[in-house]
């Protein structure tokens, strides 16, 4: 089963909202969503949400002297506003509450 990218955007935001105020490593996000999505698709949608200002991305050095970085994501205030219905974006459809 493959979920459309727009729905994936909402699901990623919702996941980060549920763990807020904590940041989550990219690898953890990939592990949570890999069953229904390709890693490449998840990374593209995370980048979209970052570019749109809905989530913040932070790159932390893996260890001293290493070029490798750990990428963490955290929902931004704009992303919280989107989920709470204060702002709207047709590219990130938020389901209506029942």
N, C-alpha and C. Protein backbone atom coordinates (compact mmCIF):
# COMPACT_ATOMS: atom_id res chain seq x y z
N UNK A 1 0.84 -1.18 0.00
CA UNK A 1 0.00 0.00 0.00
C UNK A 1 0.88 1.24 0.00
N UNK A 2 0.61 2.14 -0.89
CA UNK A 2 1.41 3.36 -1.00
C UNK A 2 0.53 4.57 -0.71
N UNK A 3 0.97 5.40 0.22
CA UNK A 3 0.22 6.58 0.61
C UNK A 3 0.75 7.76 -0.20
N UNK A 4 -0.14 8.61 -0.75
CA UNK A 4 0.31 9.76 -1.54
C UNK A 4 1.21 10.69 -0.72
N UNK A 5 2.12 11.41 -1.40
CA UNK A 5 3.06 12.29 -0.71
C UNK A 5 2.40 13.34 0.17
N UNK A 6 1.26 13.89 -0.26
CA UNK A 6 0.62 14.93 0.54
C UNK A 6 0.18 14.37 1.88
N UNK A 7 -0.31 13.14 1.89
CA UNK A 7 -0.70 12.50 3.14
C UNK A 7 0.53 12.22 3.99
N UNK A 8 1.62 11.83 3.36
CA UNK A 8 2.86 11.57 4.08
C UNK A 8 3.34 12.84 4.78
N UNK A 9 3.19 13.98 4.13
CA UNK A 9 3.60 15.24 4.75
C UNK A 9 2.85 15.45 6.07
N UNK A 10 1.55 15.23 6.03
CA UNK A 10 0.75 15.38 7.25
C UNK A 10 1.20 14.39 8.32
N UNK A 11 1.41 13.14 7.92
CA UNK A 11 1.79 12.10 8.89
C UNK A 11 3.15 12.41 9.53
N UNK A 12 4.08 12.93 8.76
CA UNK A 12 5.38 13.31 9.31
C UNK A 12 5.23 14.46 10.32
N UNK A 13 4.43 15.47 9.95
CA UNK A 13 4.19 16.59 10.86
C UNK A 13 3.51 16.12 12.13
N UNK A 14 2.50 15.28 11.98
CA UNK A 14 1.76 14.77 13.13
C UNK A 14 2.69 13.98 14.07
N UNK A 15 3.56 13.16 13.50
CA UNK A 15 4.51 12.39 14.29
C UNK A 15 5.41 13.33 15.10
N UNK A 16 5.95 14.36 14.45
CA UNK A 16 6.84 15.29 15.14
C UNK A 16 6.08 16.10 16.20
N UNK A 17 4.80 16.37 15.93
CA UNK A 17 3.96 17.09 16.90
C UNK A 17 3.75 16.25 18.16
N UNK A 18 3.57 14.95 17.97
CA UNK A 18 3.32 14.06 19.11
C UNK A 18 4.54 13.91 20.01
N UNK A 19 5.74 14.08 19.49
CA UNK A 19 6.94 13.96 20.31
C UNK A 19 7.49 15.32 20.73
N UNK A 20 6.84 16.39 20.30
CA UNK A 20 7.26 17.74 20.66
C UNK A 20 7.29 17.89 22.17
N UNK A 21 8.28 18.49 22.77
CA UNK A 21 9.31 19.38 22.21
C UNK A 21 10.61 18.68 21.83
N UNK A 22 10.62 17.37 21.80
CA UNK A 22 11.83 16.64 21.45
C UNK A 22 12.09 16.68 19.95
N UNK A 23 13.37 16.62 19.58
CA UNK A 23 13.77 16.46 18.18
C UNK A 23 13.95 14.96 17.92
N UNK A 24 13.79 14.56 16.67
CA UNK A 24 13.88 13.15 16.30
C UNK A 24 14.92 12.99 15.20
N UNK A 25 15.77 11.98 15.35
CA UNK A 25 16.78 11.71 14.32
C UNK A 25 16.12 11.20 13.04
N UNK A 26 16.72 11.55 11.93
CA UNK A 26 16.20 11.14 10.63
C UNK A 26 16.07 9.61 10.54
N UNK A 27 17.05 8.90 11.06
CA UNK A 27 17.02 7.44 11.01
C UNK A 27 15.79 6.89 11.74
N UNK A 28 15.44 7.48 12.86
CA UNK A 28 14.26 7.04 13.61
C UNK A 28 12.99 7.28 12.78
N UNK A 29 12.90 8.43 12.13
CA UNK A 29 11.74 8.72 11.29
C UNK A 29 11.65 7.71 10.15
N UNK A 30 12.78 7.39 9.53
CA UNK A 30 12.79 6.41 8.45
C UNK A 30 12.32 5.05 8.95
N UNK A 31 12.74 4.67 10.15
CA UNK A 31 12.32 3.39 10.72
C UNK A 31 10.82 3.34 10.98
N UNK A 32 10.25 4.46 11.38
CA UNK A 32 8.81 4.51 11.68
C UNK A 32 7.99 4.39 10.40
N UNK A 33 8.43 5.03 9.31
CA UNK A 33 7.61 5.11 8.09
C UNK A 33 8.06 4.19 6.95
N UNK A 34 9.12 3.42 7.15
CA UNK A 34 9.68 2.64 6.04
C UNK A 34 8.74 1.56 5.50
N UNK A 35 7.82 1.10 6.32
CA UNK A 35 6.95 0.00 5.89
C UNK A 35 6.07 0.39 4.70
N UNK A 36 5.67 1.65 4.65
CA UNK A 36 4.77 2.10 3.58
C UNK A 36 5.41 3.04 2.58
N UNK A 37 6.65 3.47 2.84
CA UNK A 37 7.29 4.48 1.98
C UNK A 37 8.76 4.15 1.75
N UNK A 38 9.25 4.57 0.62
CA UNK A 38 10.67 4.45 0.33
C UNK A 38 11.42 5.54 1.10
N UNK A 39 12.64 5.23 1.51
CA UNK A 39 13.45 6.20 2.26
C UNK A 39 13.62 7.49 1.47
N UNK A 40 13.79 7.37 0.17
CA UNK A 40 13.96 8.55 -0.68
C UNK A 40 12.72 9.45 -0.62
N UNK A 41 11.53 8.85 -0.65
CA UNK A 41 10.29 9.62 -0.58
C UNK A 41 10.14 10.33 0.76
N UNK A 42 10.49 9.64 1.83
CA UNK A 42 10.41 10.23 3.17
C UNK A 42 11.36 11.42 3.27
N UNK A 43 12.58 11.25 2.77
CA UNK A 43 13.55 12.34 2.82
C UNK A 43 13.11 13.54 2.00
N UNK A 44 12.49 13.30 0.84
CA UNK A 44 11.99 14.39 0.01
C UNK A 44 10.91 15.18 0.74
N UNK A 45 10.01 14.47 1.40
CA UNK A 45 8.92 15.15 2.10
C UNK A 45 9.44 15.89 3.34
N UNK A 46 10.43 15.33 4.02
CA UNK A 46 11.05 16.04 5.13
C UNK A 46 11.71 17.33 4.63
N UNK A 47 12.35 17.25 3.48
CA UNK A 47 12.99 18.45 2.92
C UNK A 47 11.94 19.49 2.53
N UNK A 48 10.82 19.04 1.96
CA UNK A 48 9.74 19.97 1.62
C UNK A 48 9.25 20.69 2.88
N UNK A 49 8.98 19.92 3.94
CA UNK A 49 8.48 20.51 5.18
C UNK A 49 9.51 21.46 5.80
N UNK A 50 10.78 21.15 5.65
CA UNK A 50 11.84 22.03 6.13
C UNK A 50 11.86 23.33 5.32
N UNK A 51 11.83 23.20 4.00
CA UNK A 51 11.85 24.37 3.12
C UNK A 51 10.64 25.26 3.34
N UNK A 52 9.50 24.66 3.66
CA UNK A 52 8.26 25.41 3.89
C UNK A 52 8.23 26.05 5.29
N UNK A 53 9.17 25.68 6.15
CA UNK A 53 9.24 26.26 7.49
C UNK A 53 8.38 25.55 8.53
N UNK A 54 7.85 24.37 8.18
CA UNK A 54 7.01 23.63 9.11
C UNK A 54 7.81 22.81 10.11
N UNK A 55 9.02 22.44 9.74
CA UNK A 55 9.90 21.71 10.66
C UNK A 55 11.30 22.32 10.57
N UNK A 56 12.05 22.14 11.64
CA UNK A 56 13.43 22.61 11.69
C UNK A 56 14.35 21.41 11.54
N UNK A 57 15.42 21.60 10.80
CA UNK A 57 16.42 20.55 10.59
C UNK A 57 17.72 21.00 11.25
N UNK A 58 18.33 20.08 11.98
CA UNK A 58 19.59 20.38 12.65
C UNK A 58 20.58 19.26 12.34
N UNK A 59 21.77 19.64 11.89
CA UNK A 59 22.81 18.65 11.59
C UNK A 59 23.87 18.72 12.69
N UNK A 60 24.11 17.58 13.33
CA UNK A 60 25.03 17.50 14.45
C UNK A 60 26.18 16.57 14.06
N UNK A 61 27.42 16.99 14.29
CA UNK A 61 28.56 16.09 13.97
C UNK A 61 28.43 14.76 14.72
N UNK A 62 28.68 13.69 13.99
CA UNK A 62 28.58 12.34 14.57
C UNK A 62 29.59 12.14 15.68
N UNK A 63 30.81 12.54 15.44
CA UNK A 63 31.86 12.52 16.47
C UNK A 63 32.97 13.46 16.01
N UNK A 64 33.83 13.81 16.92
CA UNK A 64 34.90 14.74 16.63
C UNK A 64 35.77 14.23 15.49
N UNK A 65 36.01 15.09 14.52
CA UNK A 65 36.86 14.73 13.40
C UNK A 65 36.16 13.97 12.29
N UNK A 66 34.88 13.72 12.44
CA UNK A 66 34.14 12.98 11.43
C UNK A 66 33.35 13.95 10.55
N UNK A 67 33.27 13.65 9.27
CA UNK A 67 32.47 14.47 8.37
C UNK A 67 30.99 14.08 8.42
N UNK A 68 30.73 12.91 8.95
CA UNK A 68 29.36 12.40 9.03
C UNK A 68 28.57 13.20 10.05
N UNK A 69 27.32 13.47 9.71
CA UNK A 69 26.46 14.25 10.61
C UNK A 69 25.16 13.50 10.86
N UNK A 70 24.64 13.68 12.05
CA UNK A 70 23.33 13.14 12.40
C UNK A 70 22.33 14.26 12.14
N UNK A 71 21.26 13.95 11.42
CA UNK A 71 20.24 14.94 11.10
C UNK A 71 19.06 14.74 12.03
N UNK A 72 18.64 15.83 12.67
CA UNK A 72 17.49 15.78 13.57
C UNK A 72 16.42 16.74 13.05
N UNK A 73 15.16 16.38 13.31
CA UNK A 73 14.03 17.21 12.93
C UNK A 73 13.16 17.49 14.14
N UNK A 74 12.61 18.71 14.14
CA UNK A 74 11.71 19.13 15.21
C UNK A 74 10.64 20.01 14.59
N UNK A 75 9.39 19.83 15.01
CA UNK A 75 8.32 20.64 14.46
C UNK A 75 8.53 22.10 14.86
N UNK A 76 8.30 23.00 13.92
CA UNK A 76 8.45 24.44 14.14
C UNK A 76 7.10 25.03 14.53
N UNK A 77 7.09 26.23 15.10
CA UNK A 77 5.82 26.87 15.46
C UNK A 77 4.84 26.96 14.28
N UNK A 78 5.36 27.20 13.08
CA UNK A 78 4.50 27.27 11.90
C UNK A 78 3.84 25.91 11.63
N UNK A 79 4.55 24.82 11.87
CA UNK A 79 3.98 23.48 11.70
C UNK A 79 2.89 23.20 12.72
N UNK A 80 3.10 23.67 13.96
CA UNK A 80 2.08 23.50 14.99
C UNK A 80 0.82 24.29 14.61
N UNK A 81 1.02 25.51 14.11
CA UNK A 81 -0.13 26.32 13.67
C UNK A 81 -0.89 25.64 12.55
N UNK A 82 -0.18 25.00 11.64
CA UNK A 82 -0.82 24.28 10.54
C UNK A 82 -1.68 23.14 11.07
N UNK A 83 -1.14 22.35 11.97
CA UNK A 83 -1.89 21.22 12.53
C UNK A 83 -3.08 21.66 13.37
N UNK A 84 -2.97 22.83 14.00
CA UNK A 84 -4.06 23.34 14.83
C UNK A 84 -5.09 24.13 14.03
N UNK A 85 -4.89 24.24 12.72
CA UNK A 85 -5.86 24.90 11.85
C UNK A 85 -5.77 26.42 11.84
N UNK A 86 -4.73 26.98 12.42
CA UNK A 86 -4.57 28.44 12.43
C UNK A 86 -4.18 28.94 11.05
N UNK A 87 -3.35 28.16 10.36
CA UNK A 87 -3.01 28.46 8.97
C UNK A 87 -3.36 27.23 8.13
N UNK A 88 -3.45 27.43 6.82
CA UNK A 88 -3.76 26.31 5.92
C UNK A 88 -2.76 26.28 4.78
N UNK A 89 -2.56 25.08 4.25
CA UNK A 89 -1.67 24.87 3.11
C UNK A 89 -2.23 23.69 2.34
N UNK A 90 -2.64 23.92 1.12
CA UNK A 90 -3.22 22.83 0.32
C UNK A 90 -2.21 21.73 0.03
N UNK A 91 -0.92 22.05 0.13
CA UNK A 91 0.13 21.05 -0.11
C UNK A 91 0.34 20.14 1.09
N UNK A 92 -0.26 20.48 2.24
CA UNK A 92 -0.19 19.64 3.44
C UNK A 92 -1.61 19.53 3.98
N UNK A 93 -2.41 18.64 3.41
CA UNK A 93 -3.81 18.54 3.84
C UNK A 93 -3.94 17.95 5.24
N UNK A 94 -4.55 18.72 6.13
CA UNK A 94 -4.78 18.28 7.50
C UNK A 94 -6.22 17.80 7.60
N UNK A 95 -6.44 16.55 8.01
CA UNK A 95 -7.81 16.05 8.11
C UNK A 95 -8.61 16.83 9.15
N UNK A 96 -9.89 16.96 8.87
CA UNK A 96 -10.78 17.66 9.81
C UNK A 96 -11.04 16.79 11.01
N UNK A 97 -11.14 17.42 12.18
CA UNK A 97 -11.46 16.66 13.39
C UNK A 97 -12.91 16.24 13.36
N UNK A 98 -13.17 15.09 13.95
CA UNK A 98 -14.54 14.56 13.96
C UNK A 98 -15.29 15.06 15.16
